[in-house]
C-alpha atoms as a PDB file:
ATOM      1  CA  MET A   1      95.887 178.070 202.413  1.00  0.00           C
ATOM      2  CA  THR A   2      93.503 179.134 199.953  1.00  0.00           C
ATOM      3  CA  LEU A   3      89.987 179.354 200.829  1.00  0.00           C
ATOM      4  CA  ALA A   4      86.755 177.959 198.627  1.00  0.00           C
ATOM      5  CA  SER A   5      84.986 179.813 196.473  1.00  0.00           C
ATOM      6  CA  PRO A   6      81.242 179.790 197.358  1.00  0.00           C
ATOM      7  CA  PRO A   7      79.264 178.262 194.549  1.00  0.00           C
ATOM      8  CA  VAL A   8      77.842 180.053 191.818  1.00  0.00           C
ATOM      9  CA  ALA A   9      74.163 180.352 191.651  1.00  0.00           C
ATOM     10  CA  HIS A  10      72.158 178.735 189.133  1.00  0.00           C
ATOM     11  CA  ILE A  11      68.645 180.125 188.221  1.00  0.00           C
ATOM     12  CA  ALA A  12      66.330 178.003 186.043  1.00  0.00           C
ATOM     13  CA  VAL A  13      63.585 180.596 184.509  1.00  0.00           C
ATOM     14  CA  ILE A  14      60.508 179.135 183.404  1.00  0.00           C
ATOM     15  CA  GLY A  15      58.864 180.859 180.496  1.00  0.00           C
ATOM     16  CA  ALA A  16      60.736 182.285 177.448  1.00  0.00           C
ATOM     17  CA  GLY A  17      58.840 185.317 176.668  1.00  0.00           C
ATOM     18  CA  ILE A  18      59.642 189.149 177.559  1.00  0.00           C
ATOM     19  CA  ALA A  19      58.882 188.793 181.415  1.00  0.00           C
ATOM     20  CA  GLY A  20      61.421 185.579 181.621  1.00  0.00           C
ATOM     21  CA  LEU A  21      63.871 186.881 178.868  1.00  0.00           C
ATOM     22  CA  ALA A  22      64.038 190.158 181.094  1.00  0.00           C
ATOM     23  CA  CYS A  23      64.214 188.947 183.984  1.00  0.00           C
ATOM     24  CA  ALA A  24      67.365 185.934 182.760  1.00  0.00           C
ATOM     25  CA  GLN A  25      69.471 189.208 181.201  1.00  0.00           C
ATOM     26  CA  ALA A  26      68.947 190.799 184.434  1.00  0.00           C
ATOM     27  CA  LEU A  27      70.521 187.781 185.975  1.00  0.00           C
ATOM     28  CA  THR A  28      73.018 187.327 183.191  1.00  0.00           C
ATOM     29  CA  ASP A  29      74.396 190.990 183.946  1.00  0.00           C
ATOM     30  CA  ALA A  30      74.730 189.987 187.412  1.00  0.00           C
ATOM     31  CA  GLY A  31      76.885 187.502 186.594  1.00  0.00           C
ATOM     32  CA  LEU A  32      75.053 184.623 187.607  1.00  0.00           C
ATOM     33  CA  ALA A  33      74.164 180.970 185.531  1.00  0.00           C
ATOM     34  CA  VAL A  34      70.619 181.045 184.157  1.00  0.00           C
ATOM     35  CA  THR A  35      68.729 178.356 182.235  1.00  0.00           C
ATOM     36  CA  LEU A  36      65.550 179.023 180.348  1.00  0.00           C
ATOM     37  CA  PHE A  37      62.639 176.504 179.063  1.00  0.00           C
ATOM     38  CA  ASP A  38      59.416 177.364 177.444  1.00  0.00           C
ATOM     39  CA  LYS A  39      56.708 174.652 176.046  1.00  0.00           C
ATOM     40  CA  ALA A  40      56.800 176.426 172.541  1.00  0.00           C
ATOM     41  CA  ARG A  41      59.816 175.658 170.079  1.00  0.00           C
ATOM     42  CA  GLY A  42      61.369 178.502 170.636  1.00  0.00           C
ATOM     43  CA  PRO A  43      61.091 182.307 172.606  1.00  0.00           C
ATOM     44  CA  GLY A  44      58.325 184.546 171.917  1.00  0.00           C
ATOM     45  CA  GLY A  45      55.544 184.098 174.490  1.00  0.00           C
ATOM     46  CA  ARG A  46      52.226 186.237 173.687  1.00  0.00           C
ATOM     47  CA  MET A  47      54.853 187.951 171.065  1.00  0.00           C
ATOM     48  CA  SER A  48      55.104 185.092 168.913  1.00  0.00           C
ATOM     49  CA  SER A  49      54.598 185.340 165.466  1.00  0.00           C
ATOM     50  CA  ARG A  50      53.316 182.107 162.503  1.00  0.00           C
ATOM     51  CA  HIS A  51      54.935 181.820 159.654  1.00  0.00           C
ATOM     52  CA  ARG A  52      52.884 180.479 156.673  1.00  0.00           C
ATOM     53  CA  PRO A  53      54.085 179.265 152.704  1.00  0.00           C
ATOM     54  CA  ASP A  54      53.047 182.922 151.471  1.00  0.00           C
ATOM     55  CA  ALA A  55      53.350 185.570 154.843  1.00  0.00           C
ATOM     56  CA  VAL A  56      54.222 185.882 158.607  1.00  0.00           C
ATOM     57  CA  VAL A  57      51.534 186.971 160.896  1.00  0.00           C
ATOM     58  CA  ASP A  58      51.707 188.581 164.408  1.00  0.00           C
ATOM     59  CA  LEU A  59      49.297 186.220 166.755  1.00  0.00           C
ATOM     60  CA  GLY A  60      49.835 188.051 170.287  1.00  0.00           C
ATOM     61  CA  ALA A  61      50.629 191.898 170.804  1.00  0.00           C
ATOM     62  CA  GLN A  62      50.447 193.697 168.347  1.00  0.00           C
ATOM     63  CA  ALA A  63      52.297 196.975 168.934  1.00  0.00           C
ATOM     64  CA  PHE A  64      53.529 198.419 172.465  1.00  0.00           C
ATOM     65  CA  THR A  65      54.094 202.220 174.279  1.00  0.00           C
ATOM     66  CA  ALA A  66      57.573 203.100 176.065  1.00  0.00           C
ATOM     67  CA  ARG A  67      56.757 205.056 179.207  1.00  0.00           C
ATOM     68  CA  ASP A  68      59.243 204.260 181.783  1.00  0.00           C
ATOM     69  CA  PRO A  69      63.066 205.097 181.705  1.00  0.00           C
ATOM     70  CA  ALA A  70      64.695 201.660 181.985  1.00  0.00           C
ATOM     71  CA  PHE A  71      62.125 200.005 179.374  1.00  0.00           C
ATOM     72  CA  ILE A  72      62.768 203.147 177.081  1.00  0.00           C
ATOM     73  CA  ALA A  73      66.281 202.290 177.329  1.00  0.00           C
ATOM     74  CA  ALA A  74      65.787 198.798 176.529  1.00  0.00           C
ATOM     75  CA  LEU A  75      63.564 199.591 173.665  1.00  0.00           C
ATOM     76  CA  ASP A  76      66.479 202.316 172.090  1.00  0.00           C
ATOM     77  CA  THR A  77      68.753 198.656 171.962  1.00  0.00           C
ATOM     78  CA  TRP A  78      66.041 196.953 170.258  1.00  0.00           C
ATOM     79  CA  ARG A  79      65.576 199.795 167.718  1.00  0.00           C
ATOM     80  CA  HIS A  80      69.383 200.622 166.946  1.00  0.00           C
ATOM     81  CA  ALA A  81      69.895 196.969 166.718  1.00  0.00           C
ATOM     82  CA  GLY A  82      66.964 196.216 163.558  1.00  0.00           C
ATOM     83  CA  CYS A  83      64.761 194.609 165.644  1.00  0.00           C
ATOM     84  CA  ALA A  84      61.568 197.193 166.325  1.00  0.00           C
ATOM     85  CA  ALA A  85      60.575 200.130 165.266  1.00  0.00           C
ATOM     86  CA  GLY A  86      57.674 202.908 165.064  1.00  0.00           C
ATOM     87  CA  TRP A  87      54.152 201.389 164.005  1.00  0.00           C
ATOM     88  CA  PRO A  88      51.098 202.007 163.368  1.00  0.00           C
ATOM     89  CA  ASP A  89      51.025 205.571 162.090  1.00  0.00           C
ATOM     90  CA  SER A  90      48.036 205.139 160.769  1.00  0.00           C
ATOM     91  CA  ALA A  91      45.208 204.075 162.988  1.00  0.00           C
ATOM     92  CA  TRP A  92      41.244 203.983 162.564  1.00  0.00           C
ATOM     93  CA  ARG A  93      38.297 203.036 164.246  1.00  0.00           C
ATOM     94  CA  ALA A  94      35.534 201.183 161.694  1.00  0.00           C
ATOM     95  CA  GLY A  95      32.208 200.199 162.404  1.00  0.00           C
ATOM     96  CA  PRO A  96      28.934 201.385 161.768  1.00  0.00           C
ATOM     97  CA  GLY A  97      28.765 204.784 161.064  1.00  0.00           C
ATOM     98  CA  GLY A  98      32.061 204.583 159.406  1.00  0.00           C
ATOM     99  CA  TRP A  99      36.238 204.768 159.554  1.00  0.00           C
ATOM    100  CA  GLN A 100      37.084 207.397 161.769  1.00  0.00           C
ATOM    101  CA  ARG A 101      40.985 208.357 162.153  1.00  0.00           C
ATOM    102  CA  ILE A 102      42.308 207.737 165.981  1.00  0.00           C
ATOM    103  CA  HIS A 103      45.292 208.903 167.712  1.00  0.00           C
ATOM    104  CA  ASP A 104      46.467 209.523 171.449  1.00  0.00           C
ATOM    105  CA  GLY A 105      49.648 211.492 170.788  1.00  0.00           C
ATOM    106  CA  ARG A 106      51.453 208.088 172.182  1.00  0.00           C
ATOM    107  CA  GLU A 107      53.673 206.580 169.675  1.00  0.00           C
ATOM    108  CA  ARG A 108      53.827 202.847 169.276  1.00  0.00           C
ATOM    109  CA  PHE A 109      56.173 200.558 167.961  1.00  0.00           C
ATOM    110  CA  CYS A 110      56.000 196.636 166.643  1.00  0.00           C
ATOM    111  CA  GLY A 111      59.191 193.879 166.377  1.00  0.00           C
ATOM    112  CA  ALA A 112      60.618 194.424 163.364  1.00  0.00           C
ATOM    113  CA  PRO A 113      60.278 192.112 160.690  1.00  0.00           C
ATOM    114  CA  ARG A 114      58.383 190.727 162.758  1.00  0.00           C
ATOM    115  CA  MET A 115      57.054 190.961 166.654  1.00  0.00           C
ATOM    116  CA  SER A 116      58.743 187.752 168.184  1.00  0.00           C
ATOM    117  CA  ALA A 117      62.014 189.535 166.540  1.00  0.00           C
ATOM    118  CA  ILE A 118      62.558 191.260 169.772  1.00  0.00           C
ATOM    119  CA  THR A 119      62.382 187.929 171.758  1.00  0.00           C
ATOM    120  CA  ARG A 120      64.432 186.469 169.421  1.00  0.00           C
ATOM    121  CA  TYR A 121      66.989 189.263 169.651  1.00  0.00           C
ATOM    122  CA  LEU A 122      66.948 189.145 173.463  1.00  0.00           C
ATOM    123  CA  ALA A 123      67.143 185.049 173.701  1.00  0.00           C
ATOM    124  CA  ASP A 124      69.917 185.527 171.777  1.00  0.00           C
ATOM    125  CA  GLN A 125      71.482 187.965 174.411  1.00  0.00           C
ATOM    126  CA  VAL A 126      71.388 185.681 176.991  1.00  0.00           C
ATOM    127  CA  GLU A 127      72.923 182.977 175.614  1.00  0.00           C
ATOM    128  CA  GLN A 128      75.688 184.820 174.350  1.00  0.00           C
ATOM    129  CA  ALA A 129      75.890 186.012 178.192  1.00  0.00           C
ATOM    130  CA  GLY A 130      75.968 181.959 178.568  1.00  0.00           C
ATOM    131  CA  ALA A 131      72.733 181.381 179.544  1.00  0.00           C
ATOM    132  CA  ALA A 132      70.504 177.974 178.407  1.00  0.00           C
ATOM    133  CA  LEU A 133      67.676 177.646 176.524  1.00  0.00           C
ATOM    134  CA  HIS A 134      65.801 174.467 176.546  1.00  0.00           C
ATOM    135  CA  PRO A 135      63.006 175.264 173.542  1.00  0.00           C
ATOM    136  CA  ALA A 136      59.714 172.426 173.700  1.00  0.00           C
ATOM    137  CA  THR A 137      60.400 171.565 176.754  1.00  0.00           C
ATOM    138  CA  ARG A 138      57.101 171.487 179.125  1.00  0.00           C
ATOM    139  CA  ILE A 139      58.599 171.704 183.294  1.00  0.00           C
ATOM    140  CA  ARG A 140      54.953 169.991 184.972  1.00  0.00           C
ATOM    141  CA  ALA A 141      57.026 170.020 188.410  1.00  0.00           C
ATOM    142  CA  ILE A 142      59.663 171.128 190.957  1.00  0.00           C
ATOM    143  CA  ASP A 143      61.490 168.808 193.693  1.00  0.00           C
ATOM    144  CA  GLY A 144      64.462 168.709 195.388  1.00  0.00           C
ATOM    145  CA  ALA A 145      64.807 171.084 198.225  1.00  0.00           C
ATOM    146  CA  PRO A 146      65.607 174.913 199.051  1.00  0.00           C
ATOM    147  CA  GLY A 147      68.724 175.891 197.554  1.00  0.00           C
ATOM    148  CA  ALA A 148      68.606 172.765 194.975  1.00  0.00           C
ATOM    149  CA  LEU A 149      65.944 172.893 193.417  1.00  0.00           C
ATOM    150  CA  ARG A 150      65.052 170.280 190.525  1.00  0.00           C
ATOM    151  CA  LEU A 151      62.739 170.618 187.588  1.00  0.00           C
ATOM    152  CA  GLN A 152      60.852 168.105 185.801  1.00  0.00           C
ATOM    153  CA  SER A 153      59.888 168.131 182.085  1.00  0.00           C
ATOM    154  CA  GLU A 154      56.890 166.526 180.733  1.00  0.00           C
ATOM    155  CA  GLN A 155      59.203 163.831 178.697  1.00  0.00           C
ATOM    156  CA  GLY A 156      60.591 162.687 182.221  1.00  0.00           C
ATOM    157  CA  ASP A 157      64.094 164.578 181.940  1.00  0.00           C
ATOM    158  CA  ILE A 158      64.940 165.703 185.233  1.00  0.00           C
ATOM    159  CA  PHE A 159      67.080 169.119 185.333  1.00  0.00           C
ATOM    160  CA  GLY A 160      69.006 171.248 188.188  1.00  0.00           C
ATOM    161  CA  PRO A 161      69.715 171.689 190.944  1.00  0.00           C
ATOM    162  CA  TYR A 162      68.901 175.044 190.706  1.00  0.00           C
ATOM    163  CA  THR A 163      69.168 178.053 193.868  1.00  0.00           C
ATOM    164  CA  GLN A 164      66.510 180.213 192.586  1.00  0.00           C
ATOM    165  CA  VAL A 165      63.459 179.430 190.298  1.00  0.00           C
ATOM    166  CA  VAL A 166      61.921 182.308 188.465  1.00  0.00           C
ATOM    167  CA  ILE A 167      57.657 181.227 187.095  1.00  0.00           C
ATOM    168  CA  ALA A 168      57.011 183.487 184.391  1.00  0.00           C
ATOM    169  CA  VAL A 169      54.263 181.750 182.788  1.00  0.00           C
ATOM    170  CA  PRO A 170      50.514 182.960 183.568  1.00  0.00           C
ATOM    171  CA  PRO A 171      49.450 182.322 186.695  1.00  0.00           C
ATOM    172  CA  PRO A 172      46.804 179.544 186.256  1.00  0.00           C
ATOM    173  CA  GLN A 173      49.752 177.748 184.662  1.00  0.00           C
ATOM    174  CA  ALA A 174      52.100 178.676 187.333  1.00  0.00           C
ATOM    175  CA  GLU A 175      49.828 177.539 190.452  1.00  0.00           C
ATOM    176  CA  PRO A 176      50.761 173.582 189.978  1.00  0.00           C
ATOM    177  CA  LEU A 177      54.442 174.416 189.875  1.00  0.00           C
ATOM    178  CA  VAL A 178      54.041 176.560 193.373  1.00  0.00           C
ATOM    179  CA  GLN A 179      51.357 175.289 195.610  1.00  0.00           C
ATOM    180  CA  PRO A 180      53.354 172.540 196.545  1.00  0.00           C
ATOM    181  CA  TRP A 181      56.208 174.498 198.135  1.00  0.00           C
ATOM    182  CA  ASP A 182      54.101 178.098 198.655  1.00  0.00           C
ATOM    183  CA  ASN A 183      50.732 177.933 199.666  1.00  0.00           C
ATOM    184  CA  VAL A 184      51.139 182.174 199.515  1.00  0.00           C
ATOM    185  CA  LEU A 185      52.398 182.105 196.085  1.00  0.00           C
ATOM    186  CA  GLY A 186      49.718 179.287 195.417  1.00  0.00           C
ATOM    187  CA  GLU A 187      46.989 181.675 196.321  1.00  0.00           C
ATOM    188  CA  ARG A 188      48.100 184.502 195.066  1.00  0.00           C
ATOM    189  CA  CYS A 189      47.884 182.823 191.410  1.00  0.00           C
ATOM    190  CA  ARG A 190      44.303 181.593 192.310  1.00  0.00           C
ATOM    191  CA  HIS A 191      43.384 185.216 192.649  1.00  0.00           C
ATOM    192  CA  LEU A 192      45.498 186.906 189.275  1.00  0.00           C
ATOM    193  CA  ALA A 193      42.629 185.822 186.994  1.00  0.00           C
ATOM    194  CA  GLN A 194      43.520 185.909 183.157  1.00  0.00           C
ATOM    195  CA  ARG A 195      41.168 187.029 180.085  1.00  0.00           C
ATOM    196  CA  ALA A 196      41.179 184.184 177.023  1.00  0.00           C
ATOM    197  CA  CYS A 197      41.716 186.038 173.534  1.00  0.00           C
ATOM    198  CA  TRP A 198      40.841 183.710 170.071  1.00  0.00           C
ATOM    199  CA  ALA A 199      43.699 185.347 167.058  1.00  0.00           C
ATOM    200  CA  GLY A 200      42.679 184.718 163.581  1.00  0.00           C
ATOM    201  CA  TRP A 201      44.364 185.440 160.551  1.00  0.00           C
ATOM    202  CA  ALA A 202      43.429 186.301 156.848  1.00  0.00           C
ATOM    203  CA  ILE A 203      45.950 186.095 153.824  1.00  0.00           C
ATOM    204  CA  PHE A 204      44.555 187.471 150.359  1.00  0.00           C
ATOM    205  CA  ASP A 205      45.463 187.537 147.134  1.00  0.00           C
ATOM    206  CA  ALA A 206      44.878 191.693 146.730  1.00  0.00           C
ATOM    207  CA  PRO A 207      44.794 194.362 149.126  1.00  0.00           C
ATOM    208  CA  LEU A 208      41.633 194.863 150.771  1.00  0.00           C
ATOM    209  CA  PRO A 209      38.971 197.471 150.145  1.00  0.00           C
ATOM    210  CA  THR A 210      40.024 201.103 150.854  1.00  0.00           C
ATOM    211  CA  PRO A 211      36.922 202.715 152.415  1.00  0.00           C
ATOM    212  CA  GLN A 212      35.741 206.567 151.022  1.00  0.00           C
ATOM    213  CA  GLY A 213      38.614 208.543 153.386  1.00  0.00           C
ATOM    214  CA  VAL A 214      40.784 206.370 154.423  1.00  0.00           C
ATOM    215  CA  ASP A 215      44.394 206.336 153.534  1.00  0.00           C
ATOM    216  CA  ALA A 216      45.352 203.349 151.299  1.00  0.00           C
ATOM    217  CA  ASN A 217      48.088 202.218 153.509  1.00  0.00           C
ATOM    218  CA  TRP A 218      46.060 202.279 156.351  1.00  0.00           C
ATOM    219  CA  GLN A 219      47.979 199.787 158.986  1.00  0.00           C
ATOM    220  CA  GLN A 220      45.247 199.331 161.891  1.00  0.00           C
ATOM    221  CA  ALA A 221      41.493 199.495 162.535  1.00  0.00           C
ATOM    222  CA  HIS A 222      39.918 198.929 166.000  1.00  0.00           C
ATOM    223  CA  ALA A 223      36.406 197.567 164.763  1.00  0.00           C
ATOM    224  CA  GLU A 224      32.786 198.194 166.435  1.00  0.00           C
ATOM    225  CA  HIS A 225      31.704 194.671 165.769  1.00  0.00           C
ATOM    226  CA  PRO A 226      30.548 192.126 168.924  1.00  0.00           C
ATOM    227  CA  ALA A 227      33.262 189.305 167.933  1.00  0.00           C
ATOM    228  CA  LEU A 228      36.001 191.644 166.282  1.00  0.00           C
ATOM    229  CA  ARG A 229      38.131 193.565 168.521  1.00  0.00           C
ATOM    230  CA  LEU A 230      41.218 194.107 166.509  1.00  0.00           C
ATOM    231  CA  VAL A 231      42.668 194.697 162.545  1.00  0.00           C
ATOM    232  CA  SER A 232      45.987 194.775 161.976  1.00  0.00           C
ATOM    233  CA  ARG A 233      47.694 194.615 158.285  1.00  0.00           C
ATOM    234  CA  ASN A 234      51.088 192.789 158.598  1.00  0.00           C
ATOM    235  CA  GLN A 235      52.273 193.746 155.082  1.00  0.00           C
ATOM    236  CA  ARG A 236      52.226 197.128 156.536  1.00  0.00           C
ATOM    237  CA  LYS A 237      54.578 196.321 159.615  1.00  0.00           C
ATOM    238  CA  PRO A 238      58.372 197.392 159.472  1.00  0.00           C
ATOM    239  CA  GLY A 239      60.291 195.005 157.115  1.00  0.00           C
ATOM    240  CA  ARG A 240      57.136 193.150 155.860  1.00  0.00           C
ATOM    241  CA  ASP A 241      56.342 195.449 152.340  1.00  0.00           C
ATOM    242  CA  ARG A 242      57.200 192.237 150.068  1.00  0.00           C
ATOM    243  CA  GLN A 243      54.408 189.939 151.499  1.00  0.00           C
ATOM    244  CA  PRO A 244      50.758 189.778 150.378  1.00  0.00           C
ATOM    245  CA  GLU A 245      47.287 191.267 152.448  1.00  0.00           C
ATOM    246  CA  SER A 246      47.923 189.489 155.572  1.00  0.00           C
ATOM    247  CA  VAL A 247      45.797 190.435 158.911  1.00  0.00           C
ATOM    248  CA  THR A 248      45.827 189.675 162.028  1.00  0.00           C
ATOM    249  CA  LEU A 249      42.129 189.164 163.960  1.00  0.00           C
ATOM    250  CA  LEU A 250      42.125 189.499 167.216  1.00  0.00           C
ATOM    251  CA  ALA A 251      38.465 189.148 169.018  1.00  0.00           C
ATOM    252  CA  HIS A 252      37.332 190.447 172.055  1.00  0.00           C
ATOM    253  CA  SER A 253      37.409 188.733 175.122  1.00  0.00           C
ATOM    254  CA  ASP A 254      34.129 188.606 176.284  1.00  0.00           C
ATOM    255  CA  TRP A 255      33.569 186.731 172.699  1.00  0.00           C
ATOM    256  CA  SER A 256      36.494 184.588 173.136  1.00  0.00           C
ATOM    257  CA  GLU A 257      35.776 183.207 176.468  1.00  0.00           C
ATOM    258  CA  ALA A 258      32.228 182.415 174.964  1.00  0.00           C
ATOM    259  CA  HIS A 259      33.543 180.785 172.259  1.00  0.00           C
ATOM    260  CA  LEU A 260      36.489 179.363 174.350  1.00  0.00           C
ATOM    261  CA  GLU A 261      35.882 175.705 172.491  1.00  0.00           C
ATOM    262  CA  ASP A 262      35.084 176.370 169.410  1.00  0.00           C
ATOM    263  CA  ALA A 263      36.966 174.342 166.659  1.00  0.00           C
ATOM    264  CA  PRO A 264      39.617 177.177 165.265  1.00  0.00           C
ATOM    265  CA  ALA A 265      38.250 176.741 161.853  1.00  0.00           C
ATOM    266  CA  GLN A 266      34.903 178.144 162.856  1.00  0.00           C
ATOM    267  CA  VAL A 267      36.510 181.016 164.670  1.00  0.00           C
ATOM    268  CA  ALA A 268      37.869 182.239 161.462  1.00  0.00           C
ATOM    269  CA  ASP A 269      35.627 182.017 159.947  1.00  0.00           C
ATOM    270  CA  VAL A 270      33.370 184.347 162.215  1.00  0.00           C
ATOM    271  CA  LEU A 271      36.080 186.323 162.649  1.00  0.00           C
ATOM    272  CA  LEU A 272      36.626 186.902 158.893  1.00  0.00           C
ATOM    273  CA  ASP A 273      32.876 187.399 157.869  1.00  0.00           C
ATOM    274  CA  ALA A 274      33.485 190.153 161.030  1.00  0.00           C
ATOM    275  CA  LEU A 275      36.115 191.478 159.275  1.00  0.00           C
ATOM    276  CA  ALA A 276      33.830 192.113 155.869  1.00  0.00           C
ATOM    277  CA  THR A 277      30.905 194.262 157.357  1.00  0.00           C
ATOM    278  CA  LEU A 278      33.543 196.684 157.839  1.00  0.00           C
ATOM    279  CA  PHE A 279      33.427 197.600 154.211  1.00  0.00           C
ATOM    280  CA  SER A 280      30.446 198.493 153.444  1.00  0.00           C
ATOM    281  CA  GLY A 281      29.510 195.676 150.584  1.00  0.00           C
ATOM    282  CA  GLN A 282      32.446 196.066 149.134  1.00  0.00           C
ATOM    283  CA  PRO A 283      33.912 192.994 148.339  1.00  0.00           C
ATOM    284  CA  LEU A 284      37.182 191.323 149.958  1.00  0.00           C
ATOM    285  CA  PRO A 285      39.637 190.128 147.734  1.00  0.00           C
ATOM    286  CA  ALA A 286      40.138 186.404 147.100  1.00  0.00           C
ATOM    287  CA  LEU A 287      41.402 184.417 150.131  1.00  0.00           C
ATOM    288  CA  VAL A 288      44.837 182.759 150.141  1.00  0.00           C
ATOM    289  CA  GLU A 289      44.362 180.745 153.562  1.00  0.00           C
ATOM    290  CA  HIS A 290      43.011 181.864 156.937  1.00  0.00           C
ATOM    291  CA  GLY A 291      43.323 180.416 160.690  1.00  0.00           C
ATOM    292  CA  ALA A 292      42.604 180.869 164.110  1.00  0.00           C
ATOM    293  CA  HIS A 293      44.813 180.394 167.676  1.00  0.00           C
ATOM    294  CA  ARG A 294      43.221 180.768 170.778  1.00  0.00           C
ATOM    295  CA  TRP A 295      45.399 182.115 173.947  1.00  0.00           C
ATOM    296  CA  ARG A 296      43.699 180.859 176.510  1.00  0.00           C
ATOM    297  CA  TYR A 297      45.654 182.911 178.953  1.00  0.00           C
ATOM    298  CA  SER A 298      46.022 186.219 176.737  1.00  0.00           C
ATOM    299  CA  GLN A 299      45.873 189.323 179.433  1.00  0.00           C
ATOM    300  CA  PRO A 300      45.629 190.120 183.014  1.00  0.00           C
ATOM    301  CA  ALA A 301      42.044 190.668 184.520  1.00  0.00           C
ATOM    302  CA  ASP A 302      41.933 193.292 187.484  1.00  0.00           C
ATOM    303  CA  GLY A 303      44.524 191.381 189.631  1.00  0.00           C
ATOM    304  CA  GLY A 304      42.992 194.186 192.441  1.00  0.00           C
ATOM    305  CA  ALA A 305      44.812 193.434 195.963  1.00  0.00           C
ATOM    306  CA  PHE A 306      46.935 190.479 194.846  1.00  0.00           C
ATOM    307  CA  ARG A 307      48.857 192.536 192.255  1.00  0.00           C
ATOM    308  CA  PRO A 308      51.873 193.324 194.215  1.00  0.00           C
ATOM    309  CA  GLU A 309      53.281 196.974 194.157  1.00  0.00           C
ATOM    310  CA  ASN A 310      56.852 196.503 192.404  1.00  0.00           C
ATOM    311  CA  GLY A 311      55.656 193.721 190.038  1.00  0.00           C
ATOM    312  CA  PHE A 312      56.876 190.646 191.116  1.00  0.00           C
ATOM    313  CA  ILE A 313      56.723 188.516 193.847  1.00  0.00           C
ATOM    314  CA  ILE A 314      59.705 186.712 195.569  1.00  0.00           C
ATOM    315  CA  GLY A 315      58.145 183.600 197.733  1.00  0.00           C
ATOM    316  CA  ALA A 316      59.317 180.789 200.107  1.00  0.00           C
ATOM    317  CA  ALA A 317      61.830 178.512 198.999  1.00  0.00           C
ATOM    318  CA  GLY A 318      63.656 179.625 196.252  1.00  0.00           C
ATOM    319  CA  LEU A 319      60.498 180.296 193.970  1.00  0.00           C
ATOM    320  CA  ALA A 320      59.923 183.558 192.645  1.00  0.00           C
ATOM    321  CA  LEU A 321      56.921 184.852 190.333  1.00  0.00           C
ATOM    322  CA  CYS A 322      57.407 187.561 186.837  1.00  0.00           C
ATOM    323  CA  GLY A 323      55.340 188.415 184.020  1.00  0.00           C
ATOM    324  CA  ASP A 324      52.247 190.702 182.902  1.00  0.00           C
ATOM    325  CA  SER A 325      49.884 189.478 185.192  1.00  0.00           C
ATOM    326  CA  LEU A 326      51.667 190.765 188.455  1.00  0.00           C
ATOM    327  CA  ARG A 327      51.938 194.387 186.578  1.00  0.00           C
ATOM    328  CA  GLY A 328      49.312 195.098 184.136  1.00  0.00           C
ATOM    329  CA  GLY A 329      48.485 194.193 180.437  1.00  0.00           C
ATOM    330  CA  ARG A 330      51.302 195.850 178.350  1.00  0.00           C
ATOM    331  CA  VAL A 331      54.262 194.776 177.038  1.00  0.00           C
ATOM    332  CA  GLU A 332      56.491 196.926 178.881  1.00  0.00           C
ATOM    333  CA  ASP A 333      54.807 195.689 182.192  1.00  0.00           C
ATOM    334  CA  ALA A 334      55.855 192.173 180.923  1.00  0.00           C
ATOM    335  CA  TRP A 335      59.114 192.934 180.407  1.00  0.00           C
ATOM    336  CA  LEU A 336      59.335 195.445 183.776  1.00  0.00           C
ATOM    337  CA  SER A 337      58.270 192.475 186.042  1.00  0.00           C
ATOM    338  CA  GLY A 338      60.831 190.691 184.864  1.00  0.00           C
ATOM    339  CA  HIS A 339      63.790 193.318 184.849  1.00  0.00           C
ATOM    340  CA  ARG A 340      62.760 194.407 188.243  1.00  0.00           C
ATOM    341  CA  LEU A 341      62.563 190.437 189.649  1.00  0.00           C
ATOM    342  CA  GLY A 342      65.853 189.814 188.127  1.00  0.00           C
ATOM    343  CA  GLN A 343      67.731 192.622 189.898  1.00  0.00           C
ATOM    344  CA  ARG A 344      66.864 191.895 193.143  1.00  0.00           C
ATOM    345  CA  LEU A 345      67.483 188.636 192.871  1.00  0.00           C
ATOM    346  CA  GLY A 346      70.553 189.505 191.108  1.00  0.00           C
ATOM    347  CA  GLN A 347      71.996 191.642 194.132  1.00  0.00           C
ATOM    348  CA  GLY A 348      70.446 189.180 197.041  1.00  0.00           C
ATOM    349  CA  LEU A 349      72.762 186.146 195.281  1.00  0.00           C
ATOM    350  CA  THR A 350      75.391 188.433 194.090  1.00  0.00           C
ATOM    351  CA  GLY A 351      75.532 190.384 197.534  1.00  0.00           C
ATOM    352  CA  CYS A 352      75.895 193.743 195.600  1.00  0.00           C
ATOM    353  CA  ASP A 353      73.609 196.746 195.359  1.00  0.00           C
END
C-alpha cells in the first residue's frame, strides 16, 4: 500500500515590493507554491519608476546601501545580472551657504537602468520558479479558515485556498486584512505608523546649471529647503545617459504631511520653485514637463517596542507580516524582512532546518 503524500503548502503574498518578492523567492527556494498579488500594474512598490515620453524617472527609493552579508550576496547577484550598479559617486549638499561635496565613506547602489529593474528581476526569478503573479489586483479581505484561507479582490474575484498568507504592504493597509483574524497583528499594525512623501519630477530640454566649484556631472543634491529634501538626476544613473535632464524631487516628510491633500500640480510647482533656489539666480532650462506623485505611506516612523527584533511577525490563523516598517526604513531592511520571513516559513512548512 502506498501512502499519499501530504499536500504541498500554497502561500499567498500580498504586495510585490522588494519585501514581498524577497519572501516569495525564499519560499520558492524551499520548494513551496507561491502566488503574489499587487494593486499596481507591475511589481516594484516604493522602488517604482515612471515612464514618460522623454525619460524614465525613479519616484521612490533613489539609492541604497548594503551591510548584511545575506543582502550583499543578493546585491552581487543583481549586479552580475546587470540590474544593479554603484551610484551615486558625486553627491552634494546645497543650500543658502552654497554647495559642499558630501561622502560618508559608504558605497551606494541603484537599479539599472531604473530602480524597478531589481524588483522586475526578482519577479522574473520567482515566476520562473513556478510562482504566479497577479498585478492590478487589490485584495480587500481574507476569509475561509486557518490552513485554507481565501482572498477576495476588489473586482470580486476569489483566490485560494492558501496554507499561509503573507502581507507585505504598509501596516495601515495591512490592518483591515489582519484585524478580523488576529487582534495581536492588528494592534501591531496600528502602532507601526508611516510617514508620507511627495515625489516630484521635472524634465528639461537642457542640463541644469552647474554651480561654481561643483562637478558638471553632479548626480545628487541634499537640499537645505523647507519643502525640498533631495534632488536626483535620473540621466546620471547607470544606463540612462541618453535621456534629457530629468530630475526627481523628494519632499520632506513634515512638509509632505502638511500638504498631503494638495493637488499634484500645485505640489509639482512648489518643488520646481524650490529647485530653482539652489542655483543662486541662474535660470533653469526650459521645462518639458513636470508632475508629482503622493506616497501616503513612504517611510516607517519610529516603531519603538512594536517593531519586532527579527524584522517580521508570524501571527495566528496562518497570517504573517513583513516589510521595512517591521525592521527599518532602508531598502536592505525591506529585503531582509521578507527574506528572513520566507526562510522561517519555508523551514516550518517543509519540516527542513
